[in-house]
Amino acid sequence: MNRFFVFIAVVFMIFLFSSCHIVRFFWWNFADINDGKKFQSVAILKGKETFYFKEITQNISLMIPADIKLASDANTFDQLLEKSHSVSFLIIRNDSILYEKYFKRYSSSSELPSFSVSKSFVSALIGIAIEEGYIKSIDQKVSEFIPEMRDPGFAEVSIANLLTMRSGIEFVESYGNPFAAMPKFYYGTNLKKMIYTLKIKEAPNLHYDYQSVNTIILTMILEKATGVAANVYLQEKIWKQIGMESDANWNVDSRKHLVIKSNCCINAHTRDFARFGRLYLNNGNWNGRQIIPESWIKQSKTIFNDSRDSQGYPYTYHWRTLNNGSLFAKGILGQYIFLYPEKKLIIVRMGSNSGNINWVKLFEELSVQL
């Protein structure tokens, strides 16, 4: 009997490192906080200079909002975070760290997966590429950059359609079914091959439909236009420019193909995610240098169509925005970069799951306290 189980384990290990996404799905199951270490990755290197937030000697005291306290059994804010499976929580105002807390085995030097927060980085890179002239405008079509797309409908799908999740692609963003499209793209080892076979189900710009493949296609366009791998473009145009404190990495589909899983999978430190938030908080300007075009940031903050995510929040250029000017990037398991420009406020939350907390509502109510 023991030999049988050993045999099964060996077979699974063989398939785990093969191209069989179904076996990977059942072996690794749903996305978790260790995913950054499961996949191959490419480097994003920091520069020579580091930007440091000002540190205070003691965390400020935070109150649990009344409606959230009623739904939890936590007595303190720290308990609320820990019970809701947070691994890091960082609040910065006017470049000063007001609150920073890590849980379980995690610390400020822990490399954490961002999941779909990475989509907001891709948006920034597209804005920079347009400013640099590699891309003429968001009205350019997919087929201009990726003629390998088999469905002729991609001749009508624009960069803007991809950015706003209104491309009309036939794709279901479901993680629960191993035979659905999303697990195939998440665990598969040849992303380009799968991208080329995508089909169009309806004309673009008719409906909002959150689809991670939009971001992968955007990144393929970025790399085709610039001639530079997306991780290197991010490294040179943002990571080194804003004084990130640590190297990071970006997961890829496989060592053989090295296609970046750009719909997710930037792995970095909590404070470095906050630095990226600071860049958007200051309209793309970093201490006097315009890193991302201000007009691109403004457009990313603007509610300009009826696109709404599953919680009803307006969706823009791979960001979500609120009527009060707040802006946030969001990832599965409750990864957030939340920005409140009026108070120069940055909140970063990373977790092993979302913990049944409405984090955006919590961020908004904390903003009142601060």
Protein backbone atom coordinates (compact mmCIF):
# COMPACT_ATOMS: atom_id res chain seq x y z
CA MET A 1 0.00 0.00 0.00
CA ASN A 2 2.85 2.39 0.86
CA ARG A 3 4.44 1.74 -2.52
CA PHE A 4 1.16 2.64 -4.19
CA PHE A 5 1.03 6.04 -2.47
CA VAL A 6 4.67 6.67 -3.31
CA PHE A 7 3.90 5.87 -6.93
CA ILE A 8 0.95 8.27 -6.96
CA ALA A 9 3.09 11.00 -5.38
CA VAL A 10 5.81 10.53 -8.01
CA VAL A 11 3.26 10.71 -10.83
CA PHE A 12 1.81 13.91 -9.40
CA MET A 13 5.26 15.46 -9.08
CA ILE A 14 6.03 14.62 -12.71
CA PHE A 15 2.83 16.25 -13.89
CA LEU A 16 3.26 19.15 -11.48
CA PHE A 17 6.28 20.34 -13.39
CA SER A 18 4.83 19.48 -16.77
CA SER A 19 2.32 21.46 -18.82
CA CYS A 20 -0.74 19.82 -17.27
CA HIS A 21 -2.62 22.69 -15.62
CA ILE A 22 -5.35 20.38 -14.28
CA VAL A 23 -2.90 18.37 -12.17
CA ARG A 24 -1.33 21.63 -10.95
CA PHE A 25 -4.77 22.88 -9.99
CA PHE A 26 -5.56 19.82 -7.88
CA TRP A 27 -2.07 19.69 -6.38
CA TRP A 28 -1.83 23.39 -5.48
CA ASN A 29 -5.58 24.02 -5.33
CA PHE A 30 -6.77 27.63 -5.20
CA ALA A 31 -4.45 30.62 -5.20
CA ASP A 32 -2.78 31.21 -1.85
CA ILE A 33 -0.20 33.47 -0.27
CA ASN A 34 2.65 31.12 -1.22
CA ASP A 35 1.96 31.30 -4.95
CA GLY A 36 4.88 33.61 -5.63
CA LYS A 37 7.24 30.77 -4.75
CA LYS A 38 5.41 28.10 -6.76
CA PHE A 39 6.03 29.55 -10.21
CA GLN A 40 9.15 30.49 -12.13
CA SER A 41 9.91 34.22 -12.04
CA VAL A 42 11.97 37.01 -13.58
CA ALA A 43 13.70 39.73 -11.60
CA ILE A 44 12.77 43.36 -11.00
CA LEU A 45 15.90 45.02 -9.60
CA LYS A 46 16.02 48.05 -7.33
CA GLY A 47 18.17 51.08 -8.01
CA LYS A 48 21.10 52.53 -6.09
CA GLU A 49 19.05 55.04 -4.12
CA THR A 50 16.20 54.25 -1.72
CA PHE A 51 13.32 56.49 -0.75
CA TYR A 52 12.40 56.15 2.92
CA PHE A 53 9.12 57.02 4.56
CA LYS A 54 9.40 58.82 7.89
CA GLU A 55 8.92 56.47 10.81
CA ILE A 56 7.22 57.24 14.09
CA THR A 57 8.17 55.61 17.38
CA GLN A 58 4.75 54.13 18.12
CA ASN A 59 1.71 53.07 16.12
CA ILE A 60 -1.28 55.37 16.39
CA SER A 61 -4.35 54.01 18.17
CA LEU A 62 -7.10 52.96 15.75
CA MET A 63 -10.72 52.22 16.55
CA ILE A 64 -12.66 49.42 14.89
CA PRO A 65 -15.57 51.03 12.99
CA ALA A 66 -18.84 50.25 14.80
CA ASP A 67 -20.53 48.32 11.98
CA ILE A 68 -17.44 46.17 11.41
CA LYS A 69 -16.97 45.53 15.14
CA LEU A 70 -20.52 44.19 15.37
CA ALA A 71 -19.69 41.59 12.73
CA SER A 72 -16.49 40.46 14.43
CA ASP A 73 -15.38 39.23 17.84
CA ALA A 74 -12.29 41.45 17.94
CA ASN A 75 -11.74 43.90 20.78
CA THR A 76 -8.80 45.80 19.31
CA PHE A 77 -7.82 46.87 15.81
CA ASP A 78 -4.78 44.58 15.90
CA GLN A 79 -7.04 41.65 16.78
CA LEU A 80 -9.36 42.53 13.92
CA LEU A 81 -6.49 42.39 11.46
CA GLU A 82 -5.12 39.15 12.84
CA LYS A 83 -8.51 37.41 12.97
CA SER A 84 -9.24 38.50 9.39
CA HIS A 85 -6.07 36.76 8.12
CA SER A 86 -4.06 39.90 7.41
CA VAL A 87 -0.31 39.40 7.12
CA SER A 88 0.62 43.08 6.80
CA PHE A 89 -1.15 46.41 7.26
CA LEU A 90 0.48 49.76 6.59
CA ILE A 91 -0.89 53.30 6.88
CA ILE A 92 1.09 56.29 5.62
CA ARG A 93 0.04 59.94 5.72
CA ASN A 94 2.14 62.78 4.36
CA ASP A 95 5.02 60.34 3.87
CA SER A 96 5.00 59.34 7.55
CA ILE A 97 4.26 55.79 8.69
CA LEU A 98 1.41 56.07 11.18
CA TYR A 99 0.71 52.38 11.58
CA GLU A 100 2.58 49.25 10.50
CA LYS A 101 1.81 45.76 11.67
CA TYR A 102 2.79 42.27 10.53
CA PHE A 103 1.29 38.97 11.60
CA LYS A 104 2.33 35.33 11.97
CA ARG A 105 5.77 34.76 10.46
CA TYR A 106 5.68 37.86 8.25
CA SER A 107 7.72 41.06 8.57
CA SER A 108 8.63 44.20 6.64
CA SER A 109 11.20 42.12 4.74
CA SER A 110 8.66 39.48 3.63
CA GLU A 111 8.09 39.14 -0.09
CA LEU A 112 4.34 39.02 -0.67
CA PRO A 113 2.23 38.23 -3.75
CA SER A 114 0.06 41.07 -5.03
CA PHE A 115 -2.22 39.05 -7.31
CA SER A 116 -4.40 41.44 -9.37
CA VAL A 117 -2.83 44.53 -7.80
CA SER A 118 -0.22 43.85 -10.50
CA LYS A 119 -2.75 44.94 -13.12
CA SER A 120 -2.39 48.53 -11.90
CA PHE A 121 1.37 48.36 -12.55
CA VAL A 122 0.67 47.25 -16.13
CA SER A 123 -1.65 50.22 -16.58
CA ALA A 124 1.13 52.56 -15.45
CA LEU A 125 3.56 51.00 -17.94
CA ILE A 126 1.07 51.45 -20.79
CA GLY A 127 0.74 55.15 -19.87
CA ILE A 128 4.52 55.54 -19.88
CA ALA A 129 4.88 53.73 -23.23
CA ILE A 130 2.35 56.09 -24.81
CA GLU A 131 4.20 59.10 -23.43
CA GLU A 132 7.47 57.75 -24.84
CA GLY A 133 5.90 57.24 -28.26
CA TYR A 134 6.11 53.45 -28.42
CA ILE A 135 2.32 53.32 -28.52
CA LYS A 136 0.47 56.01 -30.46
CA SER A 137 -2.73 55.99 -28.46
CA ILE A 138 -5.18 53.82 -26.53
CA ASP A 139 -7.25 53.63 -29.71
CA GLN A 140 -4.76 51.35 -31.42
CA LYS A 141 -6.04 47.84 -32.00
CA VAL A 142 -4.72 44.52 -30.71
CA SER A 143 -4.08 43.14 -34.20
CA GLU A 144 -1.68 46.01 -34.96
CA PHE A 145 0.71 44.56 -32.37
CA ILE A 146 -0.25 40.89 -32.22
CA PRO A 147 -1.19 39.68 -35.72
CA GLU A 148 -1.00 36.09 -34.43
CA MET A 149 -4.45 36.43 -32.86
CA ARG A 150 -6.61 33.99 -34.85
CA ASP A 151 -9.99 35.61 -34.34
CA PRO A 152 -10.36 38.53 -36.82
CA GLY A 153 -12.50 40.31 -34.22
CA PHE A 154 -9.32 41.49 -32.49
CA ALA A 155 -8.94 44.00 -35.32
CA GLU A 156 -11.71 45.95 -33.54
CA VAL A 157 -10.49 45.54 -29.94
CA SER A 158 -8.51 48.54 -28.73
CA ILE A 159 -6.03 49.10 -25.92
CA ALA A 160 -8.72 51.19 -24.22
CA ASN A 161 -11.11 48.22 -24.35
CA LEU A 162 -8.51 46.04 -22.65
CA LEU A 163 -7.76 48.64 -19.97
CA THR A 164 -11.42 49.05 -19.05
CA MET A 165 -12.34 45.34 -19.28
CA ARG A 166 -14.73 45.96 -22.15
CA SER A 167 -13.01 43.91 -24.85
CA GLY A 168 -15.83 41.47 -25.65
CA ILE A 169 -13.50 38.47 -25.36
CA GLU A 170 -15.07 35.08 -24.72
CA PHE A 171 -13.61 34.23 -21.32
CA VAL A 172 -15.01 33.29 -17.91
CA GLU A 173 -13.11 34.55 -14.85
CA SER A 174 -13.83 31.54 -12.64
CA TYR A 175 -11.30 29.92 -10.33
CA GLY A 176 -13.42 27.09 -8.93
CA ASN A 177 -13.63 24.84 -11.99
CA PRO A 178 -10.29 23.29 -13.08
CA PHE A 179 -11.63 22.88 -16.61
CA ALA A 180 -12.59 26.57 -16.92
CA ALA A 181 -10.46 29.15 -18.72
CA MET A 182 -8.98 30.95 -15.70
CA PRO A 183 -7.22 27.95 -14.07
CA LYS A 184 -5.89 27.01 -17.49
CA PHE A 185 -4.26 30.42 -17.84
CA TYR A 186 -3.15 30.60 -14.20
CA TYR A 187 -1.53 27.17 -14.04
CA GLY A 188 -0.69 26.68 -17.72
CA THR A 189 2.89 26.81 -19.00
CA ASN A 190 2.42 28.34 -22.48
CA LEU A 191 0.40 31.54 -22.17
CA LYS A 192 0.99 32.85 -25.69
CA LYS A 193 -0.30 29.67 -27.27
CA MET A 194 -3.53 30.02 -25.29
CA ILE A 195 -3.82 33.77 -25.92
CA TYR A 196 -3.64 33.30 -29.68
CA THR A 197 -6.67 30.99 -29.61
CA LEU A 198 -8.97 33.42 -27.74
CA LYS A 199 -12.24 34.32 -29.42
CA ILE A 200 -14.46 37.39 -29.47
CA LYS A 201 -18.03 36.85 -28.24
CA GLU A 202 -19.39 40.39 -28.85
CA ALA A 203 -18.39 43.78 -30.18
CA PRO A 204 -16.04 45.70 -27.87
CA ASN A 205 -17.17 48.41 -25.43
CA LEU A 206 -20.71 47.06 -25.02
CA HIS A 207 -20.29 45.60 -21.53
CA TYR A 208 -17.87 45.47 -18.62
CA ASP A 209 -16.55 41.95 -18.00
CA TYR A 210 -13.56 41.49 -15.69
CA GLN A 211 -11.13 39.21 -17.52
CA SER A 212 -7.49 38.70 -16.57
CA VAL A 213 -6.56 37.88 -20.16
CA ASN A 214 -7.07 41.56 -21.02
CA THR A 215 -4.00 42.40 -18.93
CA ILE A 216 -1.89 39.62 -20.41
CA ILE A 217 -2.70 40.92 -23.90
CA LEU A 218 -1.85 44.47 -22.80
CA THR A 219 1.55 43.28 -21.62
CA MET A 220 2.19 41.46 -24.89
CA ILE A 221 1.38 44.73 -26.68
CA LEU A 222 3.73 46.62 -24.35
CA GLU A 223 6.59 44.23 -25.03
CA LYS A 224 5.99 44.22 -28.77
CA ALA A 225 5.87 48.03 -28.89
CA THR A 226 8.89 48.71 -26.69
CA GLY A 227 11.01 45.68 -27.57
CA VAL A 228 11.66 45.25 -23.84
CA ALA A 229 10.45 42.57 -21.43
CA ALA A 230 7.77 43.95 -19.10
CA ASN A 231 9.75 43.21 -15.93
CA VAL A 232 12.72 45.17 -17.29
CA TYR A 233 10.49 48.05 -18.42
CA LEU A 234 8.93 48.16 -14.93
CA GLN A 235 12.38 47.98 -13.38
CA GLU A 236 13.81 50.87 -15.42
CA LYS A 237 10.77 53.14 -15.65
CA ILE A 238 9.34 52.77 -12.13
CA TRP A 239 11.18 50.47 -9.71
CA LYS A 240 14.55 52.19 -9.93
CA GLN A 241 13.04 55.64 -10.41
CA ILE A 242 11.07 55.79 -7.15
CA GLY A 243 13.61 54.32 -4.77
CA MET A 244 12.17 50.91 -4.04
CA GLU A 245 13.99 49.38 -1.08
CA SER A 246 14.16 45.80 -2.36
CA ASP A 247 14.39 43.71 -5.48
CA ALA A 248 11.12 42.10 -6.54
CA ASN A 249 10.11 39.49 -9.08
CA TRP A 250 7.31 38.71 -11.50
CA ASN A 251 6.07 35.17 -12.07
CA VAL A 252 6.15 33.67 -15.56
CA ASP A 253 4.35 30.75 -17.17
CA SER A 254 7.46 28.57 -17.47
CA ARG A 255 11.23 28.64 -17.71
CA LYS A 256 10.92 27.67 -21.37
CA HIS A 257 8.54 30.41 -22.53
CA LEU A 258 9.11 33.17 -19.93
CA VAL A 259 5.77 34.82 -20.61
CA ILE A 260 4.94 37.11 -17.69
CA LYS A 261 1.76 36.33 -15.75
CA SER A 262 0.96 40.02 -15.79
CA ASN A 263 -2.64 39.63 -14.69
CA CYS A 264 -1.12 38.94 -11.28
CA CYS A 265 2.08 37.88 -9.66
CA ILE A 266 4.37 40.80 -8.80
CA ASN A 267 5.99 39.70 -5.55
CA ALA A 268 7.41 42.48 -3.38
CA HIS A 269 7.61 44.04 0.10
CA THR A 270 4.69 45.87 1.66
CA ARG A 271 6.50 49.21 1.80
CA ASP A 272 7.41 48.99 -1.88
CA PHE A 273 3.74 48.57 -2.77
CA ALA A 274 3.18 51.73 -0.73
CA ARG A 275 5.86 53.53 -2.74
CA PHE A 276 3.98 52.70 -5.91
CA GLY A 277 0.84 54.05 -4.25
CA ARG A 278 2.71 57.27 -3.41
CA LEU A 279 3.53 57.69 -7.10
CA TYR A 280 -0.18 57.69 -7.97
CA LEU A 281 -1.04 59.78 -4.92
CA ASN A 282 1.23 62.50 -6.31
CA ASN A 283 -0.21 62.30 -9.83
CA GLY A 284 2.72 60.38 -11.26
CA ASN A 285 5.31 62.84 -9.98
CA TRP A 286 8.18 61.64 -7.83
CA ASN A 287 9.97 64.43 -6.01
CA GLY A 288 9.90 66.71 -9.02
CA ARG A 289 10.25 64.08 -11.78
CA GLN A 290 7.21 63.09 -13.80
CA ILE A 291 7.39 59.28 -13.95
CA ILE A 292 3.86 58.56 -15.21
CA PRO A 293 2.05 61.21 -17.30
CA GLU A 294 -0.22 63.29 -15.09
CA SER A 295 -2.98 63.02 -17.70
CA TRP A 296 -2.80 59.22 -17.41
CA ILE A 297 -3.22 59.37 -13.65
CA LYS A 298 -6.13 61.78 -14.03
CA GLN A 299 -7.84 59.44 -16.49
CA SER A 300 -7.26 56.52 -14.11
CA LYS A 301 -9.14 58.45 -11.41
CA THR A 302 -12.02 59.43 -13.67
CA ILE A 303 -15.36 57.60 -13.75
CA PHE A 304 -16.15 57.72 -17.47
CA ASN A 305 -18.47 54.78 -18.23
CA ASP A 306 -20.80 52.30 -16.53
CA SER A 307 -18.08 49.76 -15.69
CA ARG A 308 -18.58 48.48 -12.15
CA ASP A 309 -16.82 45.60 -10.41
CA SER A 310 -18.53 42.82 -8.46
CA GLN A 311 -18.89 45.11 -5.43
CA GLY A 312 -20.24 48.00 -7.48
CA TYR A 313 -17.07 50.09 -7.52
CA PRO A 314 -16.30 52.06 -10.72
CA TYR A 315 -13.53 50.43 -12.76
CA THR A 316 -11.17 52.59 -14.81
CA TYR A 317 -7.69 51.90 -16.21
CA HIS A 318 -7.06 48.77 -14.11
CA TRP A 319 -7.90 50.77 -10.99
CA ARG A 320 -11.10 51.25 -9.03
CA THR A 321 -12.14 54.71 -7.97
CA LEU A 322 -14.68 56.37 -5.68
CA ASN A 323 -16.70 59.57 -5.91
CA ASN A 324 -14.58 61.20 -3.18
CA GLY A 325 -11.42 60.87 -5.29
CA SER A 326 -10.09 57.74 -3.59
CA LEU A 327 -8.40 55.17 -5.78
CA PHE A 328 -7.51 51.57 -5.09
CA ALA A 329 -5.84 48.54 -6.61
CA LYS A 330 -7.26 45.19 -5.56
CA GLY A 331 -6.14 41.57 -5.61
CA ILE A 332 -7.74 38.27 -4.69
CA LEU A 333 -7.24 37.29 -1.02
CA GLY A 334 -7.66 40.92 -0.03
CA GLN A 335 -4.53 42.60 -1.37
CA TYR A 336 -5.04 46.37 -1.54
CA ILE A 337 -3.29 49.64 -2.25
CA PHE A 338 -5.79 52.31 -1.18
CA LEU A 339 -5.18 56.01 -1.82
CA TYR A 340 -7.05 58.99 -0.38
CA PRO A 341 -5.52 62.08 -2.05
CA GLU A 342 -7.40 64.64 0.07
CA LYS A 343 -5.51 63.48 3.17
CA LYS A 344 -2.34 62.29 1.39
CA LEU A 345 -3.16 58.85 2.73
CA ILE A 346 -1.86 55.45 1.63
CA ILE A 347 -3.13 52.17 3.06
CA VAL A 348 -1.66 48.81 2.06
CA ARG A 349 -3.24 45.56 3.22
CA MET A 350 -1.91 42.10 2.36
CA GLY A 351 -3.50 38.87 3.52
CA SER A 352 -3.76 35.12 3.23
CA ASN A 353 -7.46 35.70 2.46
CA SER A 354 -9.93 38.57 2.61
CA GLY A 355 -11.33 37.48 5.98
CA ASN A 356 -14.93 38.44 5.18
CA ILE A 357 -14.14 42.11 5.71
CA ASN A 358 -15.32 44.88 3.41
CA TRP A 359 -11.86 46.38 3.25
CA VAL A 360 -12.72 49.38 1.13
CA LYS A 361 -15.42 50.39 3.59
CA LEU A 362 -12.93 49.90 6.42
CA PHE A 363 -10.35 52.07 4.62
CA GLU A 364 -12.93 54.80 4.09
CA GLU A 365 -13.94 54.80 7.74
CA LEU A 366 -10.32 54.79 8.87
CA SER A 367 -9.77 57.82 6.64
CA VAL A 368 -12.29 59.69 8.77
CA GLN A 369 -10.36 58.80 11.92
CA LEU A 370 -7.11 59.98 10.38
